[in-house]
mmCIF file of all heavy atoms, coordinates in Angstrom:
data_MODEL
# 
_entry.id   MODEL 
# 
loop_
_atom_site.group_PDB 
_atom_site.id 
_atom_site.type_symbol 
_atom_site.label_atom_id 
_atom_site.label_alt_id 
_atom_site.label_comp_id 
_atom_site.label_asym_id 
_atom_site.label_entity_id 
_atom_site.label_seq_id 
_atom_site.pdbx_PDB_ins_code 
_atom_site.Cartn_x 
_atom_site.Cartn_y 
_atom_site.Cartn_z 
_atom_site.occupancy 
_atom_site.B_iso_or_equiv 
_atom_site.pdbx_formal_charge 
_atom_site.auth_seq_id 
_atom_site.auth_comp_id 
_atom_site.auth_asym_id 
_atom_site.auth_atom_id 
_atom_site.pdbx_PDB_model_num 
ATOM 1   N N   . ASN A 1 1  ? 7.716  -11.640 6.047   1.00 0.00 ? 1  ASN A N   1 
ATOM 2   C CA  . ASN A 1 1  ? 8.137  -12.798 6.874   1.00 0.00 ? 1  ASN A CA  1 
ATOM 3   C C   . ASN A 1 1  ? 7.549  -12.692 8.282   1.00 0.00 ? 1  ASN A C   1 
ATOM 4   O O   . ASN A 1 1  ? 7.125  -11.643 8.727   1.00 0.00 ? 1  ASN A O   1 
ATOM 5   C CB  . ASN A 1 1  ? 9.655  -12.825 6.933   1.00 0.00 ? 1  ASN A CB  1 
ATOM 6   C CG  . ASN A 1 1  ? 10.300 -12.999 5.614   1.00 0.00 ? 1  ASN A CG  1 
ATOM 7   O OD1 . ASN A 1 1  ? 9.769  -13.730 4.727   1.00 0.00 ? 1  ASN A OD1 1 
ATOM 8   N ND2 . ASN A 1 1  ? 11.487 -12.424 5.413   1.00 0.00 ? 1  ASN A ND2 1 
ATOM 9   N N   . SER A 1 2  ? 7.612  -13.824 8.989   1.00 0.00 ? 2  SER A N   1 
ATOM 10  C CA  . SER A 1 2  ? 7.132  -13.859 10.373  1.00 0.00 ? 2  SER A CA  1 
ATOM 11  C C   . SER A 1 2  ? 5.760  -13.245 10.484  1.00 0.00 ? 2  SER A C   1 
ATOM 12  O O   . SER A 1 2  ? 5.500  -12.450 11.361  1.00 0.00 ? 2  SER A O   1 
ATOM 13  C CB  . SER A 1 2  ? 8.107  -13.167 11.291  1.00 0.00 ? 2  SER A CB  1 
ATOM 14  O OG  . SER A 1 2  ? 9.391  -13.749 11.204  1.00 0.00 ? 2  SER A OG  1 
ATOM 15  N N   . LEU A 1 3  ? 4.874  -13.636 9.621   1.00 0.00 ? 3  LEU A N   1 
ATOM 16  C CA  . LEU A 1 3  ? 3.544  -13.066 9.589   1.00 0.00 ? 3  LEU A CA  1 
ATOM 17  C C   . LEU A 1 3  ? 2.746  -13.365 10.845  1.00 0.00 ? 3  LEU A C   1 
ATOM 18  O O   . LEU A 1 3  ? 2.850  -14.423 11.398  1.00 0.00 ? 3  LEU A O   1 
ATOM 19  C CB  . LEU A 1 3  ? 2.768  -13.557 8.347   1.00 0.00 ? 3  LEU A CB  1 
ATOM 20  C CG  . LEU A 1 3  ? 3.209  -12.896 7.008   1.00 0.00 ? 3  LEU A CG  1 
ATOM 21  C CD1 . LEU A 1 3  ? 2.720  -13.700 5.846   1.00 0.00 ? 3  LEU A CD1 1 
ATOM 22  C CD2 . LEU A 1 3  ? 2.608  -11.459 6.967   1.00 0.00 ? 3  LEU A CD2 1 
ATOM 23  N N   . LYS A 1 4  ? 1.982  -12.359 11.251  1.00 0.00 ? 4  LYS A N   1 
ATOM 24  C CA  . LYS A 1 4  ? 1.137  -12.452 12.415  1.00 0.00 ? 4  LYS A CA  1 
ATOM 25  C C   . LYS A 1 4  ? -0.311 -12.325 12.014  1.00 0.00 ? 4  LYS A C   1 
ATOM 26  O O   . LYS A 1 4  ? -0.665 -11.787 10.979  1.00 0.00 ? 4  LYS A O   1 
ATOM 27  C CB  . LYS A 1 4  ? 1.496  -11.346 13.381  1.00 0.00 ? 4  LYS A CB  1 
ATOM 28  C CG  . LYS A 1 4  ? 3.006  -11.373 13.804  1.00 0.00 ? 4  LYS A CG  1 
ATOM 29  C CD  . LYS A 1 4  ? 3.262  -10.142 14.683  1.00 0.00 ? 4  LYS A CD  1 
ATOM 30  C CE  . LYS A 1 4  ? 4.758  -10.135 15.103  1.00 0.00 ? 4  LYS A CE  1 
ATOM 31  N NZ  . LYS A 1 4  ? 5.078  -8.945  15.978  1.00 0.00 ? 4  LYS A NZ  1 
ATOM 32  N N   . THR A 1 5  ? -1.197 -12.772 12.898  1.00 0.00 ? 5  THR A N   1 
ATOM 33  C CA  . THR A 1 5  ? -2.614 -12.691 12.604  1.00 0.00 ? 5  THR A CA  1 
ATOM 34  C C   . THR A 1 5  ? -3.050 -11.267 12.382  1.00 0.00 ? 5  THR A C   1 
ATOM 35  O O   . THR A 1 5  ? -3.945 -10.954 11.579  1.00 0.00 ? 5  THR A O   1 
ATOM 36  C CB  . THR A 1 5  ? -3.449 -13.365 13.701  1.00 0.00 ? 5  THR A CB  1 
ATOM 37  O OG1 . THR A 1 5  ? -3.138 -12.730 14.993  1.00 0.00 ? 5  THR A OG1 1 
ATOM 38  C CG2 . THR A 1 5  ? -3.143 -14.826 13.805  1.00 0.00 ? 5  THR A CG2 1 
ATOM 39  N N   . LYS A 1 6  ? -2.391 -10.357 13.089  1.00 0.00 ? 6  LYS A N   1 
ATOM 40  C CA  . LYS A 1 6  ? -2.760 -8.933  12.898  1.00 0.00 ? 6  LYS A CA  1 
ATOM 41  C C   . LYS A 1 6  ? -2.361 -8.319  11.590  1.00 0.00 ? 6  LYS A C   1 
ATOM 42  O O   . LYS A 1 6  ? -2.741 -7.213  11.257  1.00 0.00 ? 6  LYS A O   1 
ATOM 43  C CB  . LYS A 1 6  ? -2.144 -8.095  14.057  1.00 0.00 ? 6  LYS A CB  1 
ATOM 44  C CG  . LYS A 1 6  ? -0.603 -8.041  14.110  1.00 0.00 ? 6  LYS A CG  1 
ATOM 45  C CD  . LYS A 1 6  ? -0.106 -7.244  15.270  1.00 0.00 ? 6  LYS A CD  1 
ATOM 46  C CE  . LYS A 1 6  ? 1.407  -7.195  15.313  1.00 0.00 ? 6  LYS A CE  1 
ATOM 47  N NZ  . LYS A 1 6  ? 1.867  -6.421  16.515  1.00 0.00 ? 6  LYS A NZ  1 
ATOM 48  N N   . ASP A 1 7  ? -1.567 -9.064  10.800  1.00 0.00 ? 7  ASP A N   1 
ATOM 49  C CA  . ASP A 1 7  ? -1.221 -8.663  9.455   1.00 0.00 ? 7  ASP A CA  1 
ATOM 50  C C   . ASP A 1 7  ? -2.369 -8.912  8.476   1.00 0.00 ? 7  ASP A C   1 
ATOM 51  O O   . ASP A 1 7  ? -2.254 -8.511  7.335   1.00 0.00 ? 7  ASP A O   1 
ATOM 52  C CB  . ASP A 1 7  ? 0.041  -9.336  8.972   1.00 0.00 ? 7  ASP A CB  1 
ATOM 53  C CG  . ASP A 1 7  ? 1.242  -8.960  9.822   1.00 0.00 ? 7  ASP A CG  1 
ATOM 54  O OD1 . ASP A 1 7  ? 1.390  -7.760  10.127  1.00 0.00 ? 7  ASP A OD1 1 
ATOM 55  O OD2 . ASP A 1 7  ? 2.083  -9.834  10.111  1.00 0.00 ? 7  ASP A OD2 1 
ATOM 56  N N   . THR A 1 8  ? -3.370 -9.660  8.904   1.00 0.00 ? 8  THR A N   1 
ATOM 57  C CA  . THR A 1 8  ? -4.472 -9.936  8.060   1.00 0.00 ? 8  THR A CA  1 
ATOM 58  C C   . THR A 1 8  ? -5.159 -8.654  7.558   1.00 0.00 ? 8  THR A C   1 
ATOM 59  O O   . THR A 1 8  ? -5.565 -7.836  8.403   1.00 0.00 ? 8  THR A O   1 
ATOM 60  C CB  . THR A 1 8  ? -5.499 -10.813 8.750   1.00 0.00 ? 8  THR A CB  1 
ATOM 61  O OG1 . THR A 1 8  ? -4.930 -12.099 9.058   1.00 0.00 ? 8  THR A OG1 1 
ATOM 62  C CG2 . THR A 1 8  ? -6.736 -11.093 7.880   1.00 0.00 ? 8  THR A CG2 1 
ATOM 63  N N   . ALA A 1 9  ? -5.244 -8.511  6.248   1.00 0.00 ? 9  ALA A N   1 
ATOM 64  C CA  . ALA A 1 9  ? -5.831 -7.258  5.695   1.00 0.00 ? 9  ALA A CA  1 
ATOM 65  C C   . ALA A 1 9  ? -5.883 -7.423  4.173   1.00 0.00 ? 9  ALA A C   1 
ATOM 66  O O   . ALA A 1 9  ? -5.286 -8.365  3.596   1.00 0.00 ? 9  ALA A O   1 
ATOM 67  C CB  . ALA A 1 9  ? -4.974 -6.037  6.046   1.00 0.00 ? 9  ALA A CB  1 
ATOM 68  N N   . VAL A 1 10 ? -6.534 -6.512  3.550   1.00 0.00 ? 10 VAL A N   1 
ATOM 69  C CA  . VAL A 1 10 ? -6.353 -6.353  2.092   1.00 0.00 ? 10 VAL A CA  1 
ATOM 70  C C   . VAL A 1 10 ? -5.232 -5.383  1.843   1.00 0.00 ? 10 VAL A C   1 
ATOM 71  O O   . VAL A 1 10 ? -5.219 -4.281  2.383   1.00 0.00 ? 10 VAL A O   1 
ATOM 72  C CB  . VAL A 1 10 ? -7.699 -5.767  1.465   1.00 0.00 ? 10 VAL A CB  1 
ATOM 73  C CG1 . VAL A 1 10 ? -7.468 -5.574  -0.016  1.00 0.00 ? 10 VAL A CG1 1 
ATOM 74  C CG2 . VAL A 1 10 ? -8.823 -6.731  1.720   1.00 0.00 ? 10 VAL A CG2 1 
ATOM 75  N N   . TYR A 1 11 ? -4.307 -5.809  1.041   1.00 0.00 ? 11 TYR A N   1 
ATOM 76  C CA  . TYR A 1 11 ? -3.160 -5.036  0.765   1.00 0.00 ? 11 TYR A CA  1 
ATOM 77  C C   . TYR A 1 11 ? -3.299 -4.382  -0.602  1.00 0.00 ? 11 TYR A C   1 
ATOM 78  O O   . TYR A 1 11 ? -3.591 -5.040  -1.606  1.00 0.00 ? 11 TYR A O   1 
ATOM 79  C CB  . TYR A 1 11 ? -1.869 -5.926  0.778   1.00 0.00 ? 11 TYR A CB  1 
ATOM 80  C CG  . TYR A 1 11 ? -1.463 -6.282  2.175   1.00 0.00 ? 11 TYR A CG  1 
ATOM 81  C CD1 . TYR A 1 11 ? -2.226 -7.117  2.934   1.00 0.00 ? 11 TYR A CD1 1 
ATOM 82  C CD2 . TYR A 1 11 ? -0.308 -5.741  2.715   1.00 0.00 ? 11 TYR A CD2 1 
ATOM 83  C CE1 . TYR A 1 11 ? -1.861 -7.472  4.267   1.00 0.00 ? 11 TYR A CE1 1 
ATOM 84  C CE2 . TYR A 1 11 ? 0.125  -6.077  3.999   1.00 0.00 ? 11 TYR A CE2 1 
ATOM 85  C CZ  . TYR A 1 11 ? -0.646 -6.894  4.786   1.00 0.00 ? 11 TYR A CZ  1 
ATOM 86  O OH  . TYR A 1 11 ? -0.308 -7.238  6.074   1.00 0.00 ? 11 TYR A OH  1 
ATOM 87  N N   . PHE A 1 12 ? -3.026 -3.096  -0.644  1.00 0.00 ? 12 PHE A N   1 
ATOM 88  C CA  . PHE A 1 12 ? -3.210 -2.275  -1.830  1.00 0.00 ? 12 PHE A CA  1 
ATOM 89  C C   . PHE A 1 12 ? -1.896 -1.697  -2.356  1.00 0.00 ? 12 PHE A C   1 
ATOM 90  O O   . PHE A 1 12 ? -1.163 -1.062  -1.576  1.00 0.00 ? 12 PHE A O   1 
ATOM 91  C CB  . PHE A 1 12 ? -4.165 -1.115  -1.576  1.00 0.00 ? 12 PHE A CB  1 
ATOM 92  C CG  . PHE A 1 12 ? -5.532 -1.474  -1.143  1.00 0.00 ? 12 PHE A CG  1 
ATOM 93  C CD1 . PHE A 1 12 ? -5.827 -1.611  0.234   1.00 0.00 ? 12 PHE A CD1 1 
ATOM 94  C CD2 . PHE A 1 12 ? -6.588 -1.682  -2.012  1.00 0.00 ? 12 PHE A CD2 1 
ATOM 95  C CE1 . PHE A 1 12 ? -7.083 -1.963  0.655   1.00 0.00 ? 12 PHE A CE1 1 
ATOM 96  C CE2 . PHE A 1 12 ? -7.808 -2.018  -1.646  1.00 0.00 ? 12 PHE A CE2 1 
ATOM 97  C CZ  . PHE A 1 12 ? -8.041 -2.175  -0.298  1.00 0.00 ? 12 PHE A CZ  1 
ATOM 98  N N   . CYS A 1 13 ? -1.599 -1.985  -3.581  1.00 0.00 ? 13 CYS A N   1 
ATOM 99  C CA  . CYS A 1 13 ? -0.464 -1.371  -4.224  1.00 0.00 ? 13 CYS A CA  1 
ATOM 100 C C   . CYS A 1 13 ? -0.713 0.134   -4.370  1.00 0.00 ? 13 CYS A C   1 
ATOM 101 O O   . CYS A 1 13 ? -1.829 0.580   -4.571  1.00 0.00 ? 13 CYS A O   1 
ATOM 102 C CB  . CYS A 1 13 ? -0.181 -2.012  -5.573  1.00 0.00 ? 13 CYS A CB  1 
ATOM 103 S SG  . CYS A 1 13 ? 1.357  -1.433  -6.362  1.00 0.00 ? 13 CYS A SG  1 
ATOM 104 N N   . TYR A 1 14 ? 0.353  0.925   -4.265  1.00 0.00 ? 14 TYR A N   1 
ATOM 105 C CA  . TYR A 1 14 ? 0.249  2.369   -4.183  1.00 0.00 ? 14 TYR A CA  1 
ATOM 106 C C   . TYR A 1 14 ? 1.333  2.990   -5.035  1.00 0.00 ? 14 TYR A C   1 
ATOM 107 O O   . TYR A 1 14 ? 2.454  2.508   -5.124  1.00 0.00 ? 14 TYR A O   1 
ATOM 108 C CB  . TYR A 1 14 ? 0.427  2.750   -2.731  1.00 0.00 ? 14 TYR A CB  1 
ATOM 109 C CG  . TYR A 1 14 ? 0.825  4.179   -2.507  1.00 0.00 ? 14 TYR A CG  1 
ATOM 110 C CD1 . TYR A 1 14 ? -0.120 5.198   -2.418  1.00 0.00 ? 14 TYR A CD1 1 
ATOM 111 C CD2 . TYR A 1 14 ? 2.121  4.516   -2.214  1.00 0.00 ? 14 TYR A CD2 1 
ATOM 112 C CE1 . TYR A 1 14 ? 0.249  6.499   -2.171  1.00 0.00 ? 14 TYR A CE1 1 
ATOM 113 C CE2 . TYR A 1 14 ? 2.534  5.783   -1.970  1.00 0.00 ? 14 TYR A CE2 1 
ATOM 114 C CZ  . TYR A 1 14 ? 1.577  6.798   -1.935  1.00 0.00 ? 14 TYR A CZ  1 
ATOM 115 O OH  . TYR A 1 14 ? 1.911  8.121   -1.655  1.00 0.00 ? 14 TYR A OH  1 
ATOM 116 N N   . ILE A 1 15 ? 0.933  4.153   -5.680  1.00 0.00 ? 15 ILE A N   1 
ATOM 117 C CA  . ILE A 1 15 ? 1.886  4.850   -6.462  1.00 0.00 ? 15 ILE A CA  1 
ATOM 118 C C   . ILE A 1 15 ? 1.669  6.357   -6.176  1.00 0.00 ? 15 ILE A C   1 
ATOM 119 O O   . ILE A 1 15 ? 0.569  6.861   -6.122  1.00 0.00 ? 15 ILE A O   1 
ATOM 120 C CB  . ILE A 1 15 ? 1.738  4.595   -7.969  1.00 0.00 ? 15 ILE A CB  1 
ATOM 121 C CG1 . ILE A 1 15 ? 2.847  5.309   -8.733  1.00 0.00 ? 15 ILE A CG1 1 
ATOM 122 C CG2 . ILE A 1 15 ? 0.397  4.935   -8.481  1.00 0.00 ? 15 ILE A CG2 1 
ATOM 123 C CD1 . ILE A 1 15 ? 2.931  4.878   -10.191 1.00 0.00 ? 15 ILE A CD1 1 
ATOM 124 N N   . ASP A 1 16 ? 2.752  7.036   -5.971  1.00 0.00 ? 16 ASP A N   1 
ATOM 125 C CA  . ASP A 1 16 ? 2.787  8.488   -5.777  1.00 0.00 ? 16 ASP A CA  1 
ATOM 126 C C   . ASP A 1 16 ? 3.657  9.075   -6.864  1.00 0.00 ? 16 ASP A C   1 
ATOM 127 O O   . ASP A 1 16 ? 4.860  8.757   -6.927  1.00 0.00 ? 16 ASP A O   1 
ATOM 128 C CB  . ASP A 1 16 ? 3.322  8.778   -4.381  1.00 0.00 ? 16 ASP A CB  1 
ATOM 129 C CG  . ASP A 1 16 ? 3.277  10.257  -4.066  1.00 0.00 ? 16 ASP A CG  1 
ATOM 130 O OD1 . ASP A 1 16 ? 2.627  11.035  -4.770  1.00 0.00 ? 16 ASP A OD1 1 
ATOM 131 O OD2 . ASP A 1 16 ? 3.867  10.649  -3.033  1.00 0.00 ? 16 ASP A OD2 1 
ATOM 132 N N   . GLN A 1 17 ? 3.098  9.869   -7.698  1.00 0.00 ? 17 GLN A N   1 
ATOM 133 C CA  . GLN A 1 17 ? 3.814  10.428  -8.823  1.00 0.00 ? 17 GLN A CA  1 
ATOM 134 C C   . GLN A 1 17 ? 4.224  11.874  -8.609  1.00 0.00 ? 17 GLN A C   1 
ATOM 135 O O   . GLN A 1 17 ? 3.673  12.573  -7.707  1.00 0.00 ? 17 GLN A O   1 
ATOM 136 C CB  . GLN A 1 17 ? 2.971  10.357  -10.113 1.00 0.00 ? 17 GLN A CB  1 
ATOM 137 C CG  . GLN A 1 17 ? 2.604  8.906   -10.516 1.00 0.00 ? 17 GLN A CG  1 
ATOM 138 C CD  . GLN A 1 17 ? 2.196  8.875   -11.980 1.00 0.00 ? 17 GLN A CD  1 
ATOM 139 O OE1 . GLN A 1 17 ? 3.008  9.183   -12.852 1.00 0.00 ? 17 GLN A OE1 1 
ATOM 140 N NE2 . GLN A 1 17 ? 0.969  8.457   -12.194 1.00 0.00 ? 17 GLN A NE2 1 
ATOM 141 N N   . ARG A 1 18 ? 5.128  12.339  -9.374  1.00 0.00 ? 18 ARG A N   1 
ATOM 142 C CA  . ARG A 1 18 ? 5.527  13.722  -9.325  1.00 0.00 ? 18 ARG A CA  1 
ATOM 143 C C   . ARG A 1 18 ? 4.571  14.565  -10.142 1.00 0.00 ? 18 ARG A C   1 
ATOM 144 O O   . ARG A 1 18 ? 3.618  14.050  -10.777 1.00 0.00 ? 18 ARG A O   1 
ATOM 145 C CB  . ARG A 1 18 ? 6.964  13.854  -9.872  1.00 0.00 ? 18 ARG A CB  1 
ATOM 146 C CG  . ARG A 1 18 ? 8.001  13.151  -9.044  1.00 0.00 ? 18 ARG A CG  1 
ATOM 147 C CD  . ARG A 1 18 ? 9.400  13.478  -9.576  1.00 0.00 ? 18 ARG A CD  1 
ATOM 148 N NE  . ARG A 1 18 ? 10.442 12.939  -8.753  1.00 0.00 ? 18 ARG A NE  1 
ATOM 149 C CZ  . ARG A 1 18 ? 11.022 11.743  -8.892  1.00 0.00 ? 18 ARG A CZ  1 
ATOM 150 N NH1 . ARG A 1 18 ? 10.635 10.957  -9.839  1.00 0.00 ? 18 ARG A NH1 1 
ATOM 151 N NH2 . ARG A 1 18 ? 11.940 11.346  -8.039  1.00 0.00 ? 18 ARG A NH2 1 
ATOM 152 N N   . PHE A 1 19 ? 4.798  15.891  -10.165 1.00 0.00 ? 19 PHE A N   1 
ATOM 153 C CA  . PHE A 1 19 ? 4.090  16.821  -10.980 1.00 0.00 ? 19 PHE A CA  1 
ATOM 154 C C   . PHE A 1 19 ? 2.624  16.936  -10.639 1.00 0.00 ? 19 PHE A C   1 
ATOM 155 O O   . PHE A 1 19 ? 1.781  17.273  -11.485 1.00 0.00 ? 19 PHE A O   1 
ATOM 156 C CB  . PHE A 1 19 ? 4.275  16.514  -12.460 1.00 0.00 ? 19 PHE A CB  1 
ATOM 157 C CG  . PHE A 1 19 ? 5.704  16.247  -12.875 1.00 0.00 ? 19 PHE A CG  1 
ATOM 158 C CD1 . PHE A 1 19 ? 6.070  15.015  -13.382 1.00 0.00 ? 19 PHE A CD1 1 
ATOM 159 C CD2 . PHE A 1 19 ? 6.674  17.224  -12.686 1.00 0.00 ? 19 PHE A CD2 1 
ATOM 160 C CE1 . PHE A 1 19 ? 7.381  14.798  -13.760 1.00 0.00 ? 19 PHE A CE1 1 
ATOM 161 C CE2 . PHE A 1 19 ? 7.979  17.002  -13.039 1.00 0.00 ? 19 PHE A CE2 1 
ATOM 162 C CZ  . PHE A 1 19 ? 8.327  15.789  -13.579 1.00 0.00 ? 19 PHE A CZ  1 
ATOM 163 N N   . GLY A 1 20 ? 2.271  16.738  -9.360  1.00 0.00 ? 20 GLY A N   1 
ATOM 164 C CA  . GLY A 1 20 ? 0.929  16.962  -8.896  1.00 0.00 ? 20 GLY A CA  1 
ATOM 165 C C   . GLY A 1 20 ? -0.066 15.884  -9.297  1.00 0.00 ? 20 GLY A C   1 
ATOM 166 O O   . GLY A 1 20 ? -1.258 16.106  -9.157  1.00 0.00 ? 20 GLY A O   1 
ATOM 167 N N   . VAL A 1 21 ? 0.376  14.765  -9.773  1.00 0.00 ? 21 VAL A N   1 
ATOM 168 C CA  . VAL A 1 21 ? -0.510 13.714  -10.159 1.00 0.00 ? 21 VAL A CA  1 
ATOM 169 C C   . VAL A 1 21 ? -1.086 13.050  -8.898  1.00 0.00 ? 21 VAL A C   1 
ATOM 170 O O   . VAL A 1 21 ? -0.381 12.733  -7.971  1.00 0.00 ? 21 VAL A O   1 
ATOM 171 C CB  . VAL A 1 21 ? 0.180  12.609  -10.993 1.00 0.00 ? 21 VAL A CB  1 
ATOM 172 C CG1 . VAL A 1 21 ? -0.809 11.501  -11.341 1.00 0.00 ? 21 VAL A CG1 1 
ATOM 173 C CG2 . VAL A 1 21 ? 0.756  13.249  -12.286 1.00 0.00 ? 21 VAL A CG2 1 
ATOM 174 N N   . PRO A 1 22 ? -2.448 12.850  -8.855  1.00 0.00 ? 22 PRO A N   1 
ATOM 175 C CA  . PRO A 1 22 ? -3.058 12.261  -7.649  1.00 0.00 ? 22 PRO A CA  1 
ATOM 176 C C   . PRO A 1 22 ? -2.470 10.873  -7.427  1.00 0.00 ? 22 PRO A C   1 
ATOM 177 O O   . PRO A 1 22 ? -2.168 10.132  -8.314  1.00 0.00 ? 22 PRO A O   1 
ATOM 178 C CB  . PRO A 1 22 ? -4.549 12.219  -7.990  1.00 0.00 ? 22 PRO A CB  1 
ATOM 179 C CG  . PRO A 1 22 ? -4.751 13.299  -9.002  1.00 0.00 ? 22 PRO A CG  1 
ATOM 180 C CD  . PRO A 1 22 ? -3.477 13.272  -9.833  1.00 0.00 ? 22 PRO A CD  1 
ATOM 181 N N   . ARG A 1 23 ? -2.435 10.522  -6.112  1.00 0.00 ? 23 ARG A N   1 
ATOM 182 C CA  . ARG A 1 23 ? -2.068 9.212   -5.712  1.00 0.00 ? 23 ARG A CA  1 
ATOM 183 C C   . ARG A 1 23 ? -3.053 8.153   -6.144  1.00 0.00 ? 23 ARG A C   1 
ATOM 184 O O   . ARG A 1 23 ? -4.270 8.503   -6.268  1.00 0.00 ? 23 ARG A O   1 
ATOM 185 C CB  . ARG A 1 23 ? -1.842 9.155   -4.200  1.00 0.00 ? 23 ARG A CB  1 
ATOM 186 C CG  . ARG A 1 23 ? -0.753 10.103  -3.676  1.00 0.00 ? 23 ARG A CG  1 
ATOM 187 C CD  . ARG A 1 23 ? -0.800 10.166  -2.158  1.00 0.00 ? 23 ARG A CD  1 
ATOM 188 N NE  . ARG A 1 23 ? 0.211  11.073  -1.621  1.00 0.00 ? 23 ARG A NE  1 
ATOM 189 C CZ  . ARG A 1 23 ? 0.342  11.385  -0.356  1.00 0.00 ? 23 ARG A CZ  1 
ATOM 190 N NH1 . ARG A 1 23 ? -0.495 10.856  0.559   1.00 0.00 ? 23 ARG A NH1 1 
ATOM 191 N NH2 . ARG A 1 23 ? 1.247  12.229  0.053   1.00 0.00 ? 23 ARG A NH2 1 
ATOM 192 N N   . SER A 1 24 ? -2.579 6.972   -6.386  1.00 0.00 ? 24 SER A N   1 
ATOM 193 C CA  . SER A 1 24 ? -3.510 5.866   -6.800  1.00 0.00 ? 24 SER A CA  1 
ATOM 194 C C   . SER A 1 24 ? -3.252 4.625   -6.024  1.00 0.00 ? 24 SER A C   1 
ATOM 195 O O   . SER A 1 24 ? -2.082 4.361   -5.586  1.00 0.00 ? 24 SER A O   1 
ATOM 196 C CB  . SER A 1 24 ? -3.284 5.598   -8.300  1.00 0.00 ? 24 SER A CB  1 
ATOM 197 O OG  . SER A 1 24 ? -3.558 6.732   -9.101  1.00 0.00 ? 24 SER A OG  1 
# 
């Protein structure tokens, strides 16, 4: 909400798993 011009970007979904799995 209340988006600003500085919010302009490519947004990437992220996952961090347990057991030493690399982040994606």
